[in-house]
């Protein structure tokens, strides 16, 4: 029997037609994990199980999702794995990079941080080409006000307010390293980097920031919203289609990214 290898794989995907990343056994619903495992297993000639860094929800996309898997007698050199895998995967999932890693590396538990990006298409006329990858809002949005409010999220806080009401997670303290809100043409981007995120946290934060951008709340109220520790104090949960897992970090973030 050959030596067991641990391979780290960075993948990108359009999550529109999938019911999230994590497999849902017995449901018949397509997931990213199941498609990756099927493709890798076909290449290996035996079952391959993958472990993902982020359990993205139904309709959520990724540019920098990370998975790892153990294998023996892998038939393809690591430097050619991404190219070979893309010949097996469907067009809405792509292998970006493959690399050998230490035996104790785990895509989820070794991660030290993630960056998520949310896209809002902001124009009085909707774009059919943005439907799959953004949340549409035709009303005026004040990016300056939203940016000021987002900055109040930075640091270590109890983010219970921004957790889905039905989530069983009890430890709701997380650290946000960096936030930014900016516009490029008709798209407004909301970027959040942190050591971890609660269920629906980015989508609820974005929904709250959008209410601030519409003038329904002032930027200063964000501190009170955090302190409330009550889901009802926050804005709506925006749709998953505008959310992207941009990057997963496995080394300490630079100090400049924490300030």
Protein backbone atom coordinates (compact mmCIF):
# COMPACT_ATOMS: atom_id res chain seq x y z
CA UNK A 1 0.00 0.00 0.00
CA UNK A 2 1.35 3.43 -0.94
CA UNK A 3 1.99 6.37 1.33
CA UNK A 4 -1.06 8.35 2.40
CA UNK A 5 -1.00 11.87 1.01
CA UNK A 6 -3.04 14.88 2.09
CA UNK A 7 -3.92 17.18 -0.80
CA UNK A 8 -5.26 20.72 -0.47
CA UNK A 9 -7.47 21.88 -3.31
CA UNK A 10 -8.70 25.41 -3.95
CA UNK A 11 -11.96 25.49 -5.88
CA UNK A 12 -14.30 28.08 -7.38
CA UNK A 13 -17.96 27.54 -8.16
CA UNK A 14 -21.24 29.06 -9.21
CA UNK A 15 -23.56 27.87 -6.45
CA UNK A 16 -26.82 28.74 -8.21
CA UNK A 17 -27.86 25.20 -9.06
CA UNK A 18 -26.60 23.57 -5.86
CA UNK A 19 -28.09 23.12 -2.42
CA UNK A 20 -24.98 24.35 -0.65
CA UNK A 21 -21.53 22.85 -0.24
CA UNK A 22 -22.17 20.09 2.28
CA UNK A 23 -23.59 16.79 1.08
CA UNK A 24 -27.20 16.01 2.00
CA UNK A 25 -27.36 12.25 2.03
CA UNK A 26 -30.60 10.61 1.00
CA UNK A 27 -32.18 13.79 -0.36
CA UNK A 28 -31.11 13.56 -3.98
CA UNK A 29 -30.28 17.27 -3.88
CA UNK A 30 -27.07 18.26 -5.71
CA UNK A 31 -24.26 19.73 -3.57
CA UNK A 32 -20.74 20.91 -4.32
CA UNK A 33 -19.17 18.33 -2.00
CA UNK A 34 -20.90 15.43 -3.72
CA UNK A 35 -19.84 16.58 -7.19
CA UNK A 36 -16.21 17.04 -6.07
CA UNK A 37 -16.15 13.64 -4.39
CA UNK A 38 -17.64 11.95 -7.46
CA UNK A 39 -15.07 13.55 -9.77
CA UNK A 40 -12.10 12.77 -7.52
CA UNK A 41 -13.31 9.22 -6.89
CA UNK A 42 -13.61 8.65 -10.63
CA UNK A 43 -10.01 9.78 -11.09
CA UNK A 44 -8.70 7.74 -8.16
CA UNK A 45 -10.65 4.59 -8.88
CA UNK A 46 -11.83 4.50 -5.26
CA UNK A 47 -13.98 6.61 -2.94
CA UNK A 48 -12.48 9.98 -1.99
CA UNK A 49 -14.00 12.06 0.81
CA UNK A 50 -13.36 15.80 0.89
CA UNK A 51 -13.45 18.21 3.83
CA UNK A 52 -14.43 21.82 3.12
CA UNK A 53 -13.32 25.04 4.79
CA UNK A 54 -16.73 26.68 4.53
CA UNK A 55 -20.20 25.17 4.40
CA UNK A 56 -21.66 27.64 1.94
CA UNK A 57 -25.46 27.71 1.73
CA UNK A 58 -27.77 27.04 -1.18
CA UNK A 59 -27.07 29.45 -4.04
CA UNK A 60 -23.88 30.85 -2.48
CA UNK A 61 -20.77 31.03 -4.66
CA UNK A 62 -17.02 30.72 -4.04
CA UNK A 63 -13.86 31.98 -5.65
CA UNK A 64 -11.57 30.57 -2.97
CA UNK A 65 -13.20 27.60 -1.25
CA UNK A 66 -10.61 25.14 0.10
CA UNK A 67 -11.00 21.39 0.53
CA UNK A 68 -8.59 18.64 1.49
CA UNK A 69 -8.63 14.90 1.00
CA UNK A 70 -6.46 11.89 1.83
CA UNK A 71 -5.39 9.48 -0.87
CA UNK A 72 -2.92 6.70 -1.68
CA UNK A 73 -1.41 5.85 -5.05
CA UNK A 74 -2.89 9.00 -6.57
CA UNK A 75 -2.59 8.61 -10.36
CA UNK A 76 -2.03 12.27 -11.29
CA UNK A 77 0.94 14.47 -10.25
CA UNK A 78 -0.20 17.22 -7.89
CA UNK A 79 0.93 19.98 -10.24
CA UNK A 80 -1.40 18.59 -12.93
CA UNK A 81 -4.31 17.71 -10.67
CA UNK A 82 -6.33 20.90 -11.14
CA UNK A 83 -6.10 20.67 -14.92
CA UNK A 84 -7.04 16.98 -14.94
CA UNK A 85 -9.91 17.48 -12.50
CA UNK A 86 -11.39 20.27 -14.60
CA UNK A 87 -11.76 17.75 -17.41
CA UNK A 88 -14.15 15.78 -15.19
CA UNK A 89 -15.99 18.54 -13.31
CA UNK A 90 -19.08 20.34 -14.69
CA UNK A 91 -18.63 23.86 -16.05
CA UNK A 92 -19.94 25.56 -12.90
CA UNK A 93 -17.19 24.12 -10.66
CA UNK A 94 -13.46 24.65 -11.26
CA UNK A 95 -10.32 23.41 -9.54
CA UNK A 96 -8.00 26.41 -9.18
CA UNK A 97 -4.92 24.97 -7.46
CA UNK A 98 -3.75 21.72 -5.87
CA UNK A 99 -0.87 21.23 -3.43
CA UNK A 100 0.47 18.59 -1.06
CA UNK A 101 0.12 19.57 2.60
CA UNK A 102 1.07 18.18 6.01
CA UNK A 103 -0.86 15.13 7.27
CA UNK A 104 -2.50 17.18 10.04
CA UNK A 105 -3.80 19.92 7.72
CA UNK A 106 -7.60 20.22 7.71
CA UNK A 107 -9.39 22.66 5.40
CA UNK A 108 -11.84 23.70 8.11
CA UNK A 109 -10.03 23.30 11.42
CA UNK A 110 -6.67 24.67 10.24
CA UNK A 111 -8.25 27.86 8.88
CA UNK A 112 -7.44 31.10 10.70
CA UNK A 113 -9.76 33.39 8.80
CA UNK A 114 -12.03 33.90 5.82
CA UNK A 115 -13.06 36.75 3.56
CA UNK A 116 -16.61 36.96 2.23
CA UNK A 117 -17.84 39.37 -0.42
CA UNK A 118 -21.46 40.36 -1.02
CA UNK A 119 -22.56 42.03 -4.28
CA UNK A 120 -25.56 44.34 -4.67
CA UNK A 121 -26.62 45.52 -8.12
CA UNK A 122 -27.76 49.10 -7.57
CA UNK A 123 -29.45 50.69 -10.59
CA UNK A 124 -32.97 51.73 -11.51
CA UNK A 125 -33.02 49.11 -14.30
CA UNK A 126 -32.32 45.49 -13.34
CA UNK A 127 -29.70 43.51 -15.25
CA UNK A 128 -30.55 39.96 -16.36
CA UNK A 129 -26.81 39.25 -16.39
CA UNK A 130 -26.48 40.04 -12.67
CA UNK A 131 -29.40 37.90 -11.48
CA UNK A 132 -27.32 34.89 -10.45
CA UNK A 133 -24.53 36.81 -8.74
CA UNK A 134 -26.03 39.78 -6.92
CA UNK A 135 -28.97 41.08 -4.91
CA UNK A 136 -30.89 43.76 -6.80
CA UNK A 137 -31.81 47.06 -5.14
CA UNK A 138 -32.96 50.00 -7.30
CA UNK A 139 -33.13 52.62 -4.52
CA UNK A 140 -30.31 55.05 -3.70
CA UNK A 141 -27.73 53.60 -1.30
CA UNK A 142 -25.29 55.77 0.66
CA UNK A 143 -21.99 53.87 0.50
CA UNK A 144 -20.32 56.33 2.87
CA UNK A 145 -22.89 55.72 5.60
CA UNK A 146 -22.70 51.96 5.10
CA UNK A 147 -18.91 52.06 5.27
CA UNK A 148 -18.97 53.96 8.57
CA UNK A 149 -21.40 51.46 10.05
CA UNK A 150 -19.38 48.49 8.78
CA UNK A 151 -16.26 49.85 10.49
CA UNK A 152 -18.05 49.53 13.85
CA UNK A 153 -18.17 45.76 13.30
CA UNK A 154 -14.38 45.50 13.39
CA UNK A 155 -12.84 43.94 16.47
CA UNK A 156 -13.99 41.16 18.79
CA UNK A 157 -17.70 41.22 19.60
CA UNK A 158 -20.60 38.97 20.48
CA UNK A 159 -22.36 38.76 17.11
CA UNK A 160 -25.47 36.95 18.32
CA UNK A 161 -27.63 39.68 16.75
CA UNK A 162 -26.40 38.58 13.34
CA UNK A 163 -26.90 34.86 13.79
CA UNK A 164 -29.87 33.03 12.23
CA UNK A 165 -32.59 32.67 14.85
CA UNK A 166 -32.70 28.87 14.56
CA UNK A 167 -28.93 28.33 14.90
CA UNK A 168 -27.88 26.09 17.82
CA UNK A 169 -24.41 27.67 18.14
CA UNK A 170 -23.93 29.08 21.64
CA UNK A 171 -20.50 30.72 21.40
CA UNK A 172 -21.30 33.71 19.23
CA UNK A 173 -18.12 35.74 19.84
CA UNK A 174 -16.13 36.36 16.68
CA UNK A 175 -13.42 38.76 15.50
CA UNK A 176 -13.81 40.86 12.37
CA UNK A 177 -10.40 41.96 11.07
CA UNK A 178 -11.44 44.23 8.25
CA UNK A 179 -14.53 45.60 6.51
CA UNK A 180 -15.05 47.65 3.39
CA UNK A 181 -17.99 48.95 1.38
CA UNK A 182 -17.32 50.31 -2.09
CA UNK A 183 -18.96 50.88 -5.45
CA UNK A 184 -17.70 49.89 -8.88
CA UNK A 185 -20.05 51.12 -11.61
CA UNK A 186 -23.52 49.80 -10.69
CA UNK A 187 -22.36 47.20 -8.18
CA UNK A 188 -21.83 47.83 -4.46
CA UNK A 189 -19.47 45.42 -2.70
CA UNK A 190 -19.52 44.51 0.98
CA UNK A 191 -16.31 42.80 2.11
CA UNK A 192 -15.87 41.18 5.53
CA UNK A 193 -12.76 39.39 6.79
CA UNK A 194 -12.78 37.58 10.13
CA UNK A 195 -11.69 34.57 12.13
CA UNK A 196 -15.06 32.90 11.65
CA UNK A 197 -18.69 33.61 10.83
CA UNK A 198 -21.99 32.49 12.33
CA UNK A 199 -24.78 30.98 10.25
CA UNK A 200 -26.15 33.70 7.90
CA UNK A 201 -23.96 36.30 9.65
CA UNK A 202 -22.66 38.00 6.50
CA UNK A 203 -26.10 38.06 4.89
CA UNK A 204 -27.76 39.55 7.99
CA UNK A 205 -24.99 42.14 8.40
CA UNK A 206 -25.41 43.11 4.74
CA UNK A 207 -29.18 43.40 5.17
CA UNK A 208 -28.61 45.71 8.13
CA UNK A 209 -26.08 47.82 6.23
CA UNK A 210 -28.52 48.18 3.34
CA UNK A 211 -31.12 49.65 5.70
CA UNK A 212 -28.48 52.16 6.79
CA UNK A 213 -27.70 52.90 3.14
CA UNK A 214 -31.39 53.62 2.54
CA UNK A 215 -31.53 56.00 5.50
CA UNK A 216 -33.76 53.74 7.60
CA UNK A 217 -31.08 53.61 10.31
CA UNK A 218 -28.13 55.86 11.12
CA UNK A 219 -24.57 54.47 10.98
CA UNK A 220 -24.12 55.06 14.72
CA UNK A 221 -26.91 52.60 15.54
CA UNK A 222 -24.69 49.68 14.51
CA UNK A 223 -23.07 49.63 17.96
CA UNK A 224 -26.48 49.31 19.64
CA UNK A 225 -27.49 46.64 17.14
CA UNK A 226 -24.43 44.56 18.06
CA UNK A 227 -25.03 45.09 21.78
CA UNK A 228 -28.67 43.97 21.56
CA UNK A 229 -27.67 40.31 21.05
CA UNK A 230 -31.12 39.79 19.53
CA UNK A 231 -31.83 38.79 15.93
CA UNK A 232 -34.88 41.07 15.80
CA UNK A 233 -32.59 44.11 16.21
CA UNK A 234 -30.89 43.50 12.86
CA UNK A 235 -32.05 43.89 9.28
CA UNK A 236 -33.29 41.19 6.90
CA UNK A 237 -31.28 38.24 5.64
CA UNK A 238 -30.38 39.07 2.05
CA UNK A 239 -30.47 36.29 -0.60
CA UNK A 240 -27.59 33.86 -0.93
CA UNK A 241 -27.02 34.57 -4.62
CA UNK A 242 -24.99 37.72 -3.92
CA UNK A 243 -22.55 36.04 -1.53
CA UNK A 244 -19.07 34.77 -2.41
CA UNK A 245 -16.51 32.97 -0.26
CA UNK A 246 -13.48 34.87 -1.53
CA UNK A 247 -10.55 33.46 0.42
CA UNK A 248 -9.59 31.18 3.29
CA UNK A 249 -6.49 32.05 5.32
CA UNK A 250 -4.13 29.51 6.84
CA UNK A 251 -1.44 31.90 8.08
CA UNK A 252 -1.87 34.73 10.60
CA UNK A 253 -3.36 37.75 8.87
CA UNK A 254 -1.00 40.71 8.57
CA UNK A 255 -1.34 43.38 11.22
CA UNK A 256 -2.39 45.89 8.60
CA UNK A 257 -5.43 43.73 7.83
CA UNK A 258 -6.45 43.81 11.49
CA UNK A 259 -6.36 47.58 11.88
